Amino acid sequence: VQLQASGGGLVQAGGSLRLSCAASGRTLDTYVMGWFRRAPGKESEFVAASRRSGGMSYYADSVKGRFTISRDNAKNTVYLRMNSLKPEDTAVYYCNANWKYWGQGTQVTVSS
């Protein structure tokens, strides 16, 4: 499985971004899909995960109520909608498939 993350950028606090993770090599509908992030000088942190299509979603407490993970099976793509962004959300965001396959990361920078 190859994962290509995109959609990062620079946004002001309170703004929104939508990250995309497009997959090739395998359909994602049976995979657990997740997003992680790594801020400068910190360890990687779990952000959100979605069980196989139509299943439950899980979020880190720090993003609950602000971030939403979703899937588009027709496009074999997983999204992370991020609202009410805070400077502490600044990090490189990585998508993950089945706790095994990783995308290359996309930078999100939130200015205060």
C-alpha atoms as a PDB file:
ATOM      1  CA  VAL A   1       0.000   0.000   0.000  1.00  0.00           C
ATOM      2  CA  GLN A   2       1.321   3.432  -0.941  1.00  0.00           C
ATOM      3  CA  LEU A   3      -0.082   6.469   0.854  1.00  0.00           C
ATOM      4  CA  GLN A   4       0.176  10.057  -0.350  1.00  0.00           C
ATOM      5  CA  ALA A   5      -0.756  12.764   2.135  1.00  0.00           C
ATOM      6  CA  SER A   6      -1.545  16.314   1.090  1.00  0.00           C
ATOM      7  CA  GLY A   7      -3.466  19.400   2.147  1.00  0.00           C
ATOM      8  CA  GLY A   8      -1.177  20.869   4.762  1.00  0.00           C
ATOM      9  CA  GLY A   9      -0.267  24.517   4.869  1.00  0.00           C
ATOM     10  CA  LEU A  10      -0.108  27.695   6.914  1.00  0.00           C
ATOM     11  CA  VAL A  11      -3.299  28.860   8.595  1.00  0.00           C
ATOM     12  CA  GLN A  12      -4.194  31.321  11.336  1.00  0.00           C
ATOM     13  CA  ALA A  13      -5.471  30.135  14.675  1.00  0.00           C
ATOM     14  CA  GLY A  14      -9.172  29.413  14.453  1.00  0.00           C
ATOM     15  CA  GLY A  15      -8.927  28.436  10.816  1.00  0.00           C
ATOM     16  CA  SER A  16      -9.518  25.128   9.070  1.00  0.00           C
ATOM     17  CA  LEU A  17      -7.700  22.696   6.838  1.00  0.00           C
ATOM     18  CA  ARG A  18      -8.563  19.389   5.247  1.00  0.00           C
ATOM     19  CA  LEU A  19      -5.848  16.790   4.867  1.00  0.00           C
ATOM     20  CA  SER A  20      -6.139  14.040   2.299  1.00  0.00           C
ATOM     21  CA  CYS A  21      -4.495  10.637   2.175  1.00  0.00           C
ATOM     22  CA  ALA A  22      -4.785   8.906  -1.186  1.00  0.00           C
ATOM     23  CA  ALA A  23      -3.955   5.232  -1.363  1.00  0.00           C
ATOM     24  CA  SER A  24      -2.792   3.032  -4.178  1.00  0.00           C
ATOM     25  CA  GLY A  25      -2.017  -0.633  -4.358  1.00  0.00           C
ATOM     26  CA  ARG A  26      -4.935  -1.732  -2.230  1.00  0.00           C
ATOM     27  CA  THR A  27      -8.445  -0.593  -1.487  1.00  0.00           C
ATOM     28  CA  LEU A  28      -8.794   0.898   1.971  1.00  0.00           C
ATOM     29  CA  ASP A  29     -12.329  -0.094   2.834  1.00  0.00           C
ATOM     30  CA  THR A  30     -11.217  -2.969   5.071  1.00  0.00           C
ATOM     31  CA  TYR A  31      -8.257  -1.158   6.632  1.00  0.00           C
ATOM     32  CA  VAL A  32      -8.058   0.749   9.864  1.00  0.00           C
ATOM     33  CA  MET A  33      -6.942   4.219   8.777  1.00  0.00           C
ATOM     34  CA  GLY A  34      -5.298   6.680  11.074  1.00  0.00           C
ATOM     35  CA  TRP A  35      -3.645  10.052  11.343  1.00  0.00           C
ATOM     36  CA  PHE A  36      -0.653  10.800  13.545  1.00  0.00           C
ATOM     37  CA  ARG A  37       1.393  13.923  14.003  1.00  0.00           C
ATOM     38  CA  ARG A  38       4.852  14.919  15.157  1.00  0.00           C
ATOM     39  CA  ALA A  39       5.536  18.382  16.465  1.00  0.00           C
ATOM     40  CA  PRO A  40       9.081  19.802  16.571  1.00  0.00           C
ATOM     41  CA  GLY A  41      11.012  18.297  19.451  1.00  0.00           C
ATOM     42  CA  LYS A  42       8.193  15.947  20.407  1.00  0.00           C
ATOM     43  CA  GLU A  43       7.342  12.309  19.849  1.00  0.00           C
ATOM     44  CA  SER A  44       4.720  11.146  17.401  1.00  0.00           C
ATOM     45  CA  GLU A  45       1.188  11.470  18.667  1.00  0.00           C
ATOM     46  CA  PHE A  46      -2.001   9.658  17.717  1.00  0.00           C
ATOM     47  CA  VAL A  47      -4.625  12.007  16.285  1.00  0.00           C
ATOM     48  CA  ALA A  48      -7.526   9.998  14.872  1.00  0.00           C
ATOM     49  CA  ALA A  49      -8.434   6.591  13.492  1.00  0.00           C
ATOM     50  CA  SER A  50     -11.287   5.076  11.556  1.00  0.00           C
ATOM     51  CA  ARG A  51     -12.108   1.404  11.604  1.00  0.00           C
ATOM     52  CA  ARG A  52     -13.101  -0.241   8.353  1.00  0.00           C
ATOM     53  CA  SER A  53     -15.595   1.675   6.285  1.00  0.00           C
ATOM     54  CA  GLY A  54     -18.766   2.368   8.222  1.00  0.00           C
ATOM     55  CA  GLY A  55     -17.139   1.577  11.533  1.00  0.00           C
ATOM     56  CA  MET A  56     -16.312   3.678  14.542  1.00  0.00           C
ATOM     57  CA  SER A  57     -13.880   6.573  14.713  1.00  0.00           C
ATOM     58  CA  TYR A  58     -11.508   7.457  17.531  1.00  0.00           C
ATOM     59  CA  TYR A  59      -9.843  10.733  18.450  1.00  0.00           C
ATOM     60  CA  ALA A  60      -7.178  12.012  20.760  1.00  0.00           C
ATOM     61  CA  ASP A  61      -8.642  14.123  23.549  1.00  0.00           C
ATOM     62  CA  SER A  62      -6.685  17.112  22.275  1.00  0.00           C
ATOM     63  CA  VAL A  63      -8.566  17.147  18.952  1.00  0.00           C
ATOM     64  CA  LYS A  64     -11.942  15.707  19.906  1.00  0.00           C
ATOM     65  CA  GLY A  65     -14.757  17.950  18.730  1.00  0.00           C
ATOM     66  CA  ARG A  66     -12.478  19.842  16.328  1.00  0.00           C
ATOM     67  CA  PHE A  67     -11.148  17.163  13.955  1.00  0.00           C
ATOM     68  CA  THR A  68     -13.124  14.670  11.882  1.00  0.00           C
ATOM     69  CA  ILE A  69     -11.781  11.632  10.045  1.00  0.00           C
ATOM     70  CA  SER A  70     -13.731  10.402   7.042  1.00  0.00           C
ATOM     71  CA  ARG A  71     -13.382   8.142   4.025  1.00  0.00           C
ATOM     72  CA  ASP A  72     -14.291   8.237   0.342  1.00  0.00           C
ATOM     73  CA  ASN A  73     -14.128   4.654  -0.850  1.00  0.00           C
ATOM     74  CA  ALA A  74     -14.744   5.608  -4.467  1.00  0.00           C
ATOM     75  CA  LYS A  75     -11.575   7.720  -4.379  1.00  0.00           C
ATOM     76  CA  ASN A  76      -9.704   5.356  -2.036  1.00  0.00           C
ATOM     77  CA  THR A  77      -8.948   8.387   0.074  1.00  0.00           C
ATOM     78  CA  VAL A  78      -9.125   9.229   3.755  1.00  0.00           C
ATOM     79  CA  TYR A  79      -9.546  12.775   5.022  1.00  0.00           C
ATOM     80  CA  LEU A  80      -8.884  14.666   8.205  1.00  0.00           C
ATOM     81  CA  ARG A  81     -10.991  17.774   8.546  1.00  0.00           C
ATOM     82  CA  MET A  82      -9.411  20.121  11.095  1.00  0.00           C
ATOM     83  CA  ASN A  83     -11.437  23.021  12.472  1.00  0.00           C
ATOM     84  CA  SER A  84     -10.700  25.601  15.158  1.00  0.00           C
ATOM     85  CA  LEU A  85      -6.998  25.056  14.696  1.00  0.00           C
ATOM     86  CA  LYS A  86      -4.624  26.065  17.470  1.00  0.00           C
ATOM     87  CA  PRO A  87      -0.898  26.841  17.393  1.00  0.00           C
ATOM     88  CA  GLU A  88      -0.302  23.615  19.325  1.00  0.00           C
ATOM     89  CA  ASP A  89      -1.704  21.688  16.339  1.00  0.00           C
ATOM     90  CA  THR A  90       1.425  22.663  14.390  1.00  0.00           C
ATOM     91  CA  ALA A  91       3.135  19.440  13.305  1.00  0.00           C
ATOM     92  CA  VAL A  92       3.864  17.146  10.412  1.00  0.00           C
ATOM     93  CA  TYR A  93       0.806  14.977   9.917  1.00  0.00           C
ATOM     94  CA  TYR A  94       1.124  11.391   8.716  1.00  0.00           C
ATOM     95  CA  CYS A  95      -1.544   8.999   7.536  1.00  0.00           C
ATOM     96  CA  ASN A  96      -1.363   5.347   8.395  1.00  0.00           C
ATOM     97  CA  ALA A  97      -3.032   2.184   7.136  1.00  0.00           C
ATOM     98  CA  ASN A  98      -3.592  -0.768   9.426  1.00  0.00           C
ATOM     99  CA  TRP A  99      -0.909   0.447  11.865  1.00  0.00           C
ATOM    100  CA  LYS A 100       1.641  -0.681   9.287  1.00  0.00           C
ATOM    101  CA  TYR A 101       1.852   1.553   6.196  1.00  0.00           C
ATOM    102  CA  TRP A 102       2.828   5.222   6.363  1.00  0.00           C
ATOM    103  CA  GLY A 103       2.493   8.206   4.078  1.00  0.00           C
ATOM    104  CA  GLN A 104       5.237  10.790   3.684  1.00  0.00           C
ATOM    105  CA  GLY A 105       3.727  13.493   5.901  1.00  0.00           C
ATOM    106  CA  THR A 106       2.306  16.930   5.271  1.00  0.00           C
ATOM    107  CA  GLN A 107       3.222  20.052   7.262  1.00  0.00           C
ATOM    108  CA  VAL A 108       0.542  21.962   9.136  1.00  0.00           C
ATOM    109  CA  THR A 109       1.523  25.298  10.664  1.00  0.00           C
ATOM    110  CA  VAL A 110      -0.930  27.303  12.744  1.00  0.00           C
ATOM    111  CA  SER A 111       0.025  30.885  13.507  1.00  0.00           C
ATOM    112  CA  SER A 112      -1.231  32.737  16.564  1.00  0.00           C
END
